[in-house]
Amino acid sequence: MPLRPRASFVCTGCHIRKVKCDLQSNPQGPCRNCRNTQQMCTRRDGVRQKSRRTNTAATASMRTEDSFGLAGWASSTSGGTTVV
């Protein structure tokens, strides 16, 4: 069975209640769910934009530097003998 294409927009009521919205098949009037529950049917536009990713190489090197700094701090403040 072929998959249906993902709906490009739904109403806010169906989105909040996480139910299937038929607003796309009837864009002039309210969707069936809003009509049955007598709610205001307002269109909610498509998919959210993805946030921009940071530079992963720079982030990884910063994490590595932080972990080395914490390891050195923990061994120097342990109060016991430090083995290097």
PDB file of N, CA and C in Angstrom:
ATOM      1  N   MET A   1       0.850  -1.170   0.000  1.00  0.00           N
ATOM      2  CA  MET A   1       0.000   0.000   0.000  1.00  0.00           C
ATOM      3  C   MET A   1       0.904   1.245   0.000  1.00  0.00           C
ATOM      4  N   PRO A   2       0.736   2.154  -0.961  1.00  0.00           N
ATOM      5  CA  PRO A   2       1.579   3.355  -1.021  1.00  0.00           C
ATOM      6  C   PRO A   2       1.236   4.315   0.117  1.00  0.00           C
ATOM      7  N   LEU A   3       2.265   5.011   0.584  1.00  0.00           N
ATOM      8  CA  LEU A   3       2.070   5.980   1.660  1.00  0.00           C
ATOM      9  C   LEU A   3       1.483   7.273   1.112  1.00  0.00           C
ATOM     10  N   ARG A   4       0.635   7.900   1.903  1.00  0.00           N
ATOM     11  CA  ARG A   4       0.086   9.197   1.521  1.00  0.00           C
ATOM     12  C   ARG A   4       1.144  10.266   1.752  1.00  0.00           C
ATOM     13  N   PRO A   5       1.131  11.341   0.961  1.00  0.00           N
ATOM     14  CA  PRO A   5       2.072  12.429   1.229  1.00  0.00           C
ATOM     15  C   PRO A   5       1.710  13.131   2.539  1.00  0.00           C
ATOM     16  N   ARG A   6       2.712  13.618   3.229  1.00  0.00           N
ATOM     17  CA  ARG A   6       2.498  14.301   4.506  1.00  0.00           C
ATOM     18  C   ARG A   6       1.734  15.607   4.274  1.00  0.00           C
ATOM     19  N   ALA A   7       0.780  15.896   5.148  1.00  0.00           N
ATOM     20  CA  ALA A   7      -0.016  17.118   5.027  1.00  0.00           C
ATOM     21  C   ALA A   7       0.888  18.331   5.202  1.00  0.00           C
ATOM     22  N   SER A   8       0.717  19.322   4.333  1.00  0.00           N
ATOM     23  CA  SER A   8       1.573  20.499   4.419  1.00  0.00           C
ATOM     24  C   SER A   8       1.067  21.500   5.454  1.00  0.00           C
ATOM     25  N   PHE A   9      -0.196  21.400   5.833  1.00  0.00           N
ATOM     26  CA  PHE A   9      -0.709  22.257   6.901  1.00  0.00           C
ATOM     27  C   PHE A   9      -1.879  21.578   7.598  1.00  0.00           C
ATOM     28  N   VAL A  10      -2.054  21.924   8.853  1.00  0.00           N
ATOM     29  CA  VAL A  10      -3.161  21.430   9.674  1.00  0.00           C
ATOM     30  C   VAL A  10      -3.675  22.609  10.491  1.00  0.00           C
ATOM     31  N   CYS A  11      -4.792  22.421  11.173  1.00  0.00           N
ATOM     32  CA  CYS A  11      -5.277  23.503  12.035  1.00  0.00           C
ATOM     33  C   CYS A  11      -4.624  23.370  13.416  1.00  0.00           C
ATOM     34  N   THR A  12      -4.629  24.446  14.171  1.00  0.00           N
ATOM     35  CA  THR A  12      -3.975  24.434  15.481  1.00  0.00           C
ATOM     36  C   THR A  12      -4.680  23.498  16.458  1.00  0.00           C
ATOM     37  N   GLY A  13      -6.003  23.399  16.372  1.00  0.00           N
ATOM     38  CA  GLY A  13      -6.745  22.513  17.276  1.00  0.00           C
ATOM     39  C   GLY A  13      -6.361  21.056  17.096  1.00  0.00           C
ATOM     40  N   CYS A  14      -6.290  20.601  15.845  1.00  0.00           N
ATOM     41  CA  CYS A  14      -5.900  19.206  15.572  1.00  0.00           C
ATOM     42  C   CYS A  14      -4.443  18.969  15.946  1.00  0.00           C
ATOM     43  N   HIS A  15      -3.595  19.964  15.721  1.00  0.00           N
ATOM     44  CA  HIS A  15      -2.182  19.822  16.073  1.00  0.00           C
ATOM     45  C   HIS A  15      -2.010  19.665  17.583  1.00  0.00           C
ATOM     46  N   ILE A  16      -2.721  20.449  18.357  1.00  0.00           N
ATOM     47  CA  ILE A  16      -2.617  20.376  19.819  1.00  0.00           C
ATOM     48  C   ILE A  16      -3.170  19.052  20.333  1.00  0.00           C
ATOM     49  N   ARG A  17      -4.308  18.614  19.762  1.00  0.00           N
ATOM     50  CA  ARG A  17      -4.920  17.355  20.206  1.00  0.00           C
ATOM     51  C   ARG A  17      -4.280  16.127  19.573  1.00  0.00           C
ATOM     52  N   LYS A  18      -3.361  16.354  18.596  1.00  0.00           N
ATOM     53  CA  LYS A  18      -2.643  15.279  17.897  1.00  0.00           C
ATOM     54  C   LYS A  18      -3.600  14.303  17.224  1.00  0.00           C
ATOM     55  N   VAL A  19      -4.531  14.870  16.456  1.00  0.00           N
ATOM     56  CA  VAL A  19      -5.471  14.061  15.691  1.00  0.00           C
ATOM     57  C   VAL A  19      -5.337  14.421  14.212  1.00  0.00           C
ATOM     58  N   LYS A  20      -5.827  13.552  13.358  1.00  0.00           N
ATOM     59  CA  LYS A  20      -5.754  13.772  11.921  1.00  0.00           C
ATOM     60  C   LYS A  20      -6.665  14.935  11.531  1.00  0.00           C
ATOM     61  N   CYS A  21      -6.140  15.829  10.714  1.00  0.00           N
ATOM     62  CA  CYS A  21      -6.890  17.013  10.291  1.00  0.00           C
ATOM     63  C   CYS A  21      -7.209  16.904   8.803  1.00  0.00           C
ATOM     64  N   ASP A  22      -8.453  17.191   8.426  1.00  0.00           N
ATOM     65  CA  ASP A  22      -8.824  17.153   7.014  1.00  0.00           C
ATOM     66  C   ASP A  22      -8.979  18.561   6.430  1.00  0.00           C
ATOM     67  N   LEU A  23      -8.316  19.529   7.022  1.00  0.00           N
ATOM     68  CA  LEU A  23      -8.382  20.913   6.548  1.00  0.00           C
ATOM     69  C   LEU A  23      -7.832  21.045   5.134  1.00  0.00           C
ATOM     70  N   GLN A  24      -6.856  20.228   4.778  1.00  0.00           N
ATOM     71  CA  GLN A  24      -6.253  20.312   3.456  1.00  0.00           C
ATOM     72  C   GLN A  24      -7.250  19.942   2.356  1.00  0.00           C
ATOM     73  N   SER A  25      -8.156  19.024   2.643  1.00  0.00           N
ATOM     74  CA  SER A  25      -9.147  18.643   1.631  1.00  0.00           C
ATOM     75  C   SER A  25     -10.290  19.657   1.534  1.00  0.00           C
ATOM     76  N   ASN A  26     -10.466  20.494   2.563  1.00  0.00           N
ATOM     77  CA  ASN A  26     -11.522  21.503   2.566  1.00  0.00           C
ATOM     78  C   ASN A  26     -10.948  22.813   3.117  1.00  0.00           C
ATOM     79  N   PRO A  27     -10.124  23.540   2.341  1.00  0.00           N
ATOM     80  CA  PRO A  27      -9.451  24.726   2.877  1.00  0.00           C
ATOM     81  C   PRO A  27     -10.365  25.922   3.141  1.00  0.00           C
ATOM     82  N   GLN A  28     -11.576  25.951   2.559  1.00  0.00           N
ATOM     83  CA  GLN A  28     -12.458  27.104   2.758  1.00  0.00           C
ATOM     84  C   GLN A  28     -13.144  27.073   4.119  1.00  0.00           C
ATOM     85  N   GLY A  29     -13.548  25.916   4.583  1.00  0.00           N
ATOM     86  CA  GLY A  29     -14.313  25.827   5.817  1.00  0.00           C
ATOM     87  C   GLY A  29     -13.508  25.196   6.933  1.00  0.00           C
ATOM     88  N   PRO A  30     -14.128  25.020   8.087  1.00  0.00           N
ATOM     89  CA  PRO A  30     -13.428  24.377   9.206  1.00  0.00           C
ATOM     90  C   PRO A  30     -13.244  22.880   8.954  1.00  0.00           C
ATOM     91  N   CYS A  31     -12.253  22.301   9.597  1.00  0.00           N
ATOM     92  CA  CYS A  31     -12.043  20.859   9.452  1.00  0.00           C
ATOM     93  C   CYS A  31     -13.145  20.113  10.208  1.00  0.00           C
ATOM     94  N   ARG A  32     -13.247  18.838   9.959  1.00  0.00           N
ATOM     95  CA  ARG A  32     -14.316  18.027  10.554  1.00  0.00           C
ATOM     96  C   ARG A  32     -14.207  17.997  12.085  1.00  0.00           C
ATOM     97  N   ASN A  33     -12.984  17.886  12.616  1.00  0.00           N
ATOM     98  CA  ASN A  33     -12.815  17.823  14.075  1.00  0.00           C
ATOM     99  C   ASN A  33     -13.254  19.118  14.748  1.00  0.00           C
ATOM    100  N   CYS A  34     -12.865  20.255  14.178  1.00  0.00           N
ATOM    101  CA  CYS A  34     -13.266  21.541  14.761  1.00  0.00           C
ATOM    102  C   CYS A  34     -14.769  21.769  14.613  1.00  0.00           C
ATOM    103  N   ARG A  35     -15.336  21.326  13.508  1.00  0.00           N
ATOM    104  CA  ARG A  35     -16.780  21.461  13.311  1.00  0.00           C
ATOM    105  C   ARG A  35     -17.540  20.634  14.350  1.00  0.00           C
ATOM    106  N   ASN A  36     -17.083  19.397  14.618  1.00  0.00           N
ATOM    107  CA  ASN A  36     -17.763  18.531  15.588  1.00  0.00           C
ATOM    108  C   ASN A  36     -17.633  19.044  17.017  1.00  0.00           C
ATOM    109  N   THR A  37     -16.488  19.647  17.347  1.00  0.00           N
ATOM    110  CA  THR A  37     -16.281  20.153  18.713  1.00  0.00           C
ATOM    111  C   THR A  37     -16.637  21.629  18.842  1.00  0.00           C
ATOM    112  N   GLN A  38     -17.089  22.236  17.731  1.00  0.00           N
ATOM    113  CA  GLN A  38     -17.488  23.646  17.690  1.00  0.00           C
ATOM    114  C   GLN A  38     -16.375  24.569  18.173  1.00  0.00           C
ATOM    115  N   GLN A  39     -15.173  24.333  17.642  1.00  0.00           N
ATOM    116  CA  GLN A  39     -14.022  25.176  17.961  1.00  0.00           C
ATOM    117  C   GLN A  39     -13.649  26.020  16.758  1.00  0.00           C
ATOM    118  N   MET A  40     -12.887  27.076  17.012  1.00  0.00           N
ATOM    119  CA  MET A  40     -12.375  27.922  15.946  1.00  0.00           C
ATOM    120  C   MET A  40     -11.298  27.149  15.194  1.00  0.00           C
ATOM    121  N   CYS A  41     -11.374  27.106  13.886  1.00  0.00           N
ATOM    122  CA  CYS A  41     -10.427  26.348  13.061  1.00  0.00           C
ATOM    123  C   CYS A  41      -9.479  27.332  12.383  1.00  0.00           C
ATOM    124  N   THR A  42      -8.249  27.418  12.869  1.00  0.00           N
ATOM    125  CA  THR A  42      -7.260  28.314  12.276  1.00  0.00           C
ATOM    126  C   THR A  42      -6.107  27.498  11.715  1.00  0.00           C
ATOM    127  N   ARG A  43      -5.696  27.868  10.531  1.00  0.00           N
ATOM    128  CA  ARG A  43      -4.656  27.132   9.821  1.00  0.00           C
ATOM    129  C   ARG A  43      -3.297  27.329  10.484  1.00  0.00           C
ATOM    130  N   ARG A  44      -2.558  26.245  10.607  1.00  0.00           N
ATOM    131  CA  ARG A  44      -1.193  26.274  11.138  1.00  0.00           C
ATOM    132  C   ARG A  44      -0.287  25.844   9.997  1.00  0.00           C
ATOM    133  N   ASP A  45       0.597  26.734   9.561  1.00  0.00           N
ATOM    134  CA  ASP A  45       1.435  26.433   8.401  1.00  0.00           C
ATOM    135  C   ASP A  45       2.494  25.405   8.733  1.00  0.00           C
ATOM    136  N   GLY A  46       2.864  24.668   7.717  1.00  0.00           N
ATOM    137  CA  GLY A  46       3.809  23.560   7.637  1.00  0.00           C
ATOM    138  C   GLY A  46       4.815  23.292   8.725  1.00  0.00           C
ATOM    139  N   VAL A  47       5.883  22.694   8.303  1.00  0.00           N
ATOM    140  CA  VAL A  47       6.908  22.164   9.188  1.00  0.00           C
ATOM    141  C   VAL A  47       7.815  23.287   9.665  1.00  0.00           C
ATOM    142  N   ARG A  48       8.253  23.189  10.911  1.00  0.00           N
ATOM    143  CA  ARG A  48       9.168  24.177  11.468  1.00  0.00           C
ATOM    144  C   ARG A  48      10.533  24.082  10.792  1.00  0.00           C
ATOM    145  N   GLN A  49      11.224  25.197  10.750  1.00  0.00           N
ATOM    146  CA  GLN A  49      12.575  25.215  10.205  1.00  0.00           C
ATOM    147  C   GLN A  49      13.534  24.580  11.197  1.00  0.00           C
ATOM    148  N   LYS A  50      14.507  23.840  10.701  1.00  0.00           N
ATOM    149  CA  LYS A  50      15.513  23.254  11.580  1.00  0.00           C
ATOM    150  C   LYS A  50      16.484  24.344  12.000  1.00  0.00           C
ATOM    151  N   SER A  51      16.975  24.258  13.218  1.00  0.00           N
ATOM    152  CA  SER A  51      17.941  25.241  13.681  1.00  0.00           C
ATOM    153  C   SER A  51      19.293  24.958  13.043  1.00  0.00           C
ATOM    154  N   ARG A  52      20.088  25.994  12.921  1.00  0.00           N
ATOM    155  CA  ARG A  52      21.404  25.841  12.312  1.00  0.00           C
ATOM    156  C   ARG A  52      22.324  25.099  13.256  1.00  0.00           C
ATOM    157  N   ARG A  53      23.091  24.182  12.712  1.00  0.00           N
ATOM    158  CA  ARG A  53      24.031  23.412  13.520  1.00  0.00           C
ATOM    159  C   ARG A  53      25.304  24.219  13.714  1.00  0.00           C
ATOM    160  N   THR A  54      25.911  24.065  14.867  1.00  0.00           N
ATOM    161  CA  THR A  54      27.176  24.741  15.120  1.00  0.00           C
ATOM    162  C   THR A  54      28.302  23.960  14.476  1.00  0.00           C
ATOM    163  N   ASN A  55      29.460  24.558  14.434  1.00  0.00           N
ATOM    164  CA  ASN A  55      30.630  23.897  13.871  1.00  0.00           C
ATOM    165  C   ASN A  55      31.007  22.742  14.789  1.00  0.00           C
ATOM    166  N   THR A  56      30.807  21.524  14.348  1.00  0.00           N
ATOM    167  CA  THR A  56      31.006  20.367  15.220  1.00  0.00           C
ATOM    168  C   THR A  56      32.468  20.138  15.558  1.00  0.00           C
ATOM    169  N   ALA A  57      33.397  20.476  14.672  1.00  0.00           N
ATOM    170  CA  ALA A  57      34.819  20.286  14.962  1.00  0.00           C
ATOM    171  C   ALA A  57      35.253  21.216  16.095  1.00  0.00           C
ATOM    172  N   ALA A  58      34.807  22.466  16.051  1.00  0.00           N
ATOM    173  CA  ALA A  58      35.163  23.417  17.104  1.00  0.00           C
ATOM    174  C   ALA A  58      34.530  23.007  18.428  1.00  0.00           C
ATOM    175  N   THR A  59      33.293  22.554  18.391  1.00  0.00           N
ATOM    176  CA  THR A  59      32.608  22.127  19.606  1.00  0.00           C
ATOM    177  C   THR A  59      33.292  20.914  20.215  1.00  0.00           C
ATOM    178  N   ALA A  60      33.716  19.966  19.381  1.00  0.00           N
ATOM    179  CA  ALA A  60      34.387  18.764  19.872  1.00  0.00           C
ATOM    180  C   ALA A  60      35.722  19.113  20.517  1.00  0.00           C
ATOM    181  N   SER A  61      36.475  20.036  19.916  1.00  0.00           N
ATOM    182  CA  SER A  61      37.768  20.399  20.504  1.00  0.00           C
ATOM    183  C   SER A  61      37.574  21.128  21.826  1.00  0.00           C
ATOM    184  N   MET A  62      36.514  21.929  21.936  1.00  0.00           N
ATOM    185  CA  MET A  62      36.245  22.610  23.204  1.00  0.00           C
ATOM    186  C   MET A  62      35.894  21.594  24.284  1.00  0.00           C
ATOM    187  N   ARG A  63      35.119  20.561  23.933  1.00  0.00           N
ATOM    188  CA  ARG A  63      34.774  19.524  24.903  1.00  0.00           C
ATOM    189  C   ARG A  63      36.017  18.779  25.361  1.00  0.00           C
ATOM    190  N   THR A  64      36.919  18.490  24.429  1.00  0.00           N
ATOM    191  CA  THR A  64      38.143  17.774  24.765  1.00  0.00           C
ATOM    192  C   THR A  64      38.992  18.603  25.716  1.00  0.00           C
ATOM    193  N   GLU A  65      39.135  19.895  25.434  1.00  0.00           N
ATOM    194  CA  GLU A  65      39.913  20.770  26.313  1.00  0.00           C
ATOM    195  C   GLU A  65      39.288  20.829  27.702  1.00  0.00           C
ATOM    196  N   ASP A  66      37.965  20.914  27.764  1.00  0.00           N
ATOM    197  CA  ASP A  66      37.284  20.961  29.053  1.00  0.00           C
ATOM    198  C   ASP A  66      37.498  19.676  29.839  1.00  0.00           C
ATOM    199  N   SER A  67      37.434  18.537  29.181  1.00  0.00           N
ATOM    200  CA  SER A  67      37.586  17.278  29.905  1.00  0.00           C
ATOM    201  C   SER A  67      39.007  17.112  30.422  1.00  0.00           C
ATOM    202  N   PHE A  68      40.002  17.576  29.667  1.00  0.00           N
ATOM    203  CA  PHE A  68      41.379  17.502  30.158  1.00  0.00           C
ATOM    204  C   PHE A  68      41.569  18.437  31.342  1.00  0.00           C
ATOM    205  N   GLY A  69      40.977  19.605  31.281  1.00  0.00           N
ATOM    206  CA  GLY A  69      41.097  20.549  32.386  1.00  0.00           C
ATOM    207  C   GLY A  69      40.450  20.016  33.653  1.00  0.00           C
ATOM    208  N   LEU A  70      39.307  19.390  33.554  1.00  0.00           N
ATOM    209  CA  LEU A  70      38.627  18.835  34.719  1.00  0.00           C
ATOM    210  C   LEU A  70      39.382  17.646  35.288  1.00  0.00           C
ATOM    211  N   ALA A  71      39.968  16.819  34.430  1.00  0.00           N
ATOM    212  CA  ALA A  71      40.715  15.659  34.910  1.00  0.00           C
ATOM    213  C   ALA A  71      41.945  16.104  35.682  1.00  0.00           C
ATOM    214  N   GLY A  72      42.634  17.117  35.193  1.00  0.00           N
ATOM    215  CA  GLY A  72      43.808  17.632  35.897  1.00  0.00           C
ATOM    216  C   GLY A  72      43.427  18.257  37.224  1.00  0.00           C
ATOM    217  N   TRP A  73      42.304  18.957  37.263  1.00  0.00           N
ATOM    218  CA  TRP A  73      41.845  19.598  38.489  1.00  0.00           C
ATOM    219  C   TRP A  73      41.477  18.550  39.525  1.00  0.00           C
ATOM    220  N   ALA A  74      40.805  17.495  39.125  1.00  0.00           N
ATOM    221  CA  ALA A  74      40.367  16.463  40.058  1.00  0.00           C
ATOM    222  C   ALA A  74      41.554  15.718  40.643  1.00  0.00           C
ATOM    223  N   SER A  75      42.586  15.434  39.850  1.00  0.00           N
ATOM    224  CA  SER A  75      43.725  14.685  40.372  1.00  0.00           C
ATOM    225  C   SER A  75      44.583  15.552  41.279  1.00  0.00           C
ATOM    226  N   SER A  76      44.647  16.875  41.038  1.00  0.00           N
ATOM    227  CA  SER A  76      45.491  17.723  41.868  1.00  0.00           C
ATOM    228  C   SER A  76      44.826  18.058  43.194  1.00  0.00           C
ATOM    229  N   THR A  77      43.503  17.974  43.298  1.00  0.00           N
ATOM    230  CA  THR A  77      42.818  18.321  44.537  1.00  0.00           C
ATOM    231  C   THR A  77      42.357  17.097  45.310  1.00  0.00           C
ATOM    232  N   SER A  78      42.788  15.912  44.898  1.00  0.00           N
ATOM    233  CA  SER A  78      42.300  14.718  45.568  1.00  0.00           C
ATOM    234  C   SER A  78      42.890  14.565  46.967  1.00  0.00           C
ATOM    235  N   GLY A  79      44.016  15.213  47.235  1.00  0.00           N
ATOM    236  CA  GLY A  79      44.597  15.136  48.565  1.00  0.00           C
ATOM    237  C   GLY A  79      45.521  13.947  48.731  1.00  0.00           C
ATOM    238  N   GLY A  80      45.485  13.031  47.832  1.00  0.00           N
ATOM    239  CA  GLY A  80      46.343  11.850  47.886  1.00  0.00           C
ATOM    240  C   GLY A  80      47.518  12.015  46.954  1.00  0.00           C
ATOM    241  N   THR A  81      48.200  10.940  46.727  1.00  0.00           N
ATOM    242  CA  THR A  81      49.317  10.979  45.801  1.00  0.00           C
ATOM    243  C   THR A  81      48.801  11.044  44.372  1.00  0.00           C
ATOM    244  N   THR A  82      49.450  11.856  43.584  1.00  0.00           N
ATOM    245  CA  THR A  82      49.054  12.005  42.197  1.00  0.00           C
ATOM    246  C   THR A  82      49.950  11.143  41.333  1.00  0.00           C
ATOM    247  N   VAL A  83      49.342  10.269  40.548  1.00  0.00           N
ATOM    248  CA  VAL A  83      50.093   9.419  39.637  1.00  0.00           C
ATOM    249  C   VAL A  83      49.892   9.971  38.242  1.00  0.00           C
ATOM    250  N   VAL A  84      51.015  10.233  37.571  1.00  0.00           N
ATOM    251  CA  VAL A  84      50.923  10.814  36.229  1.00  0.00           C
ATOM    252  C   VAL A  84      51.305   9.809  35.192  1.00  0.00           C
TER     253      VAL A  84
END
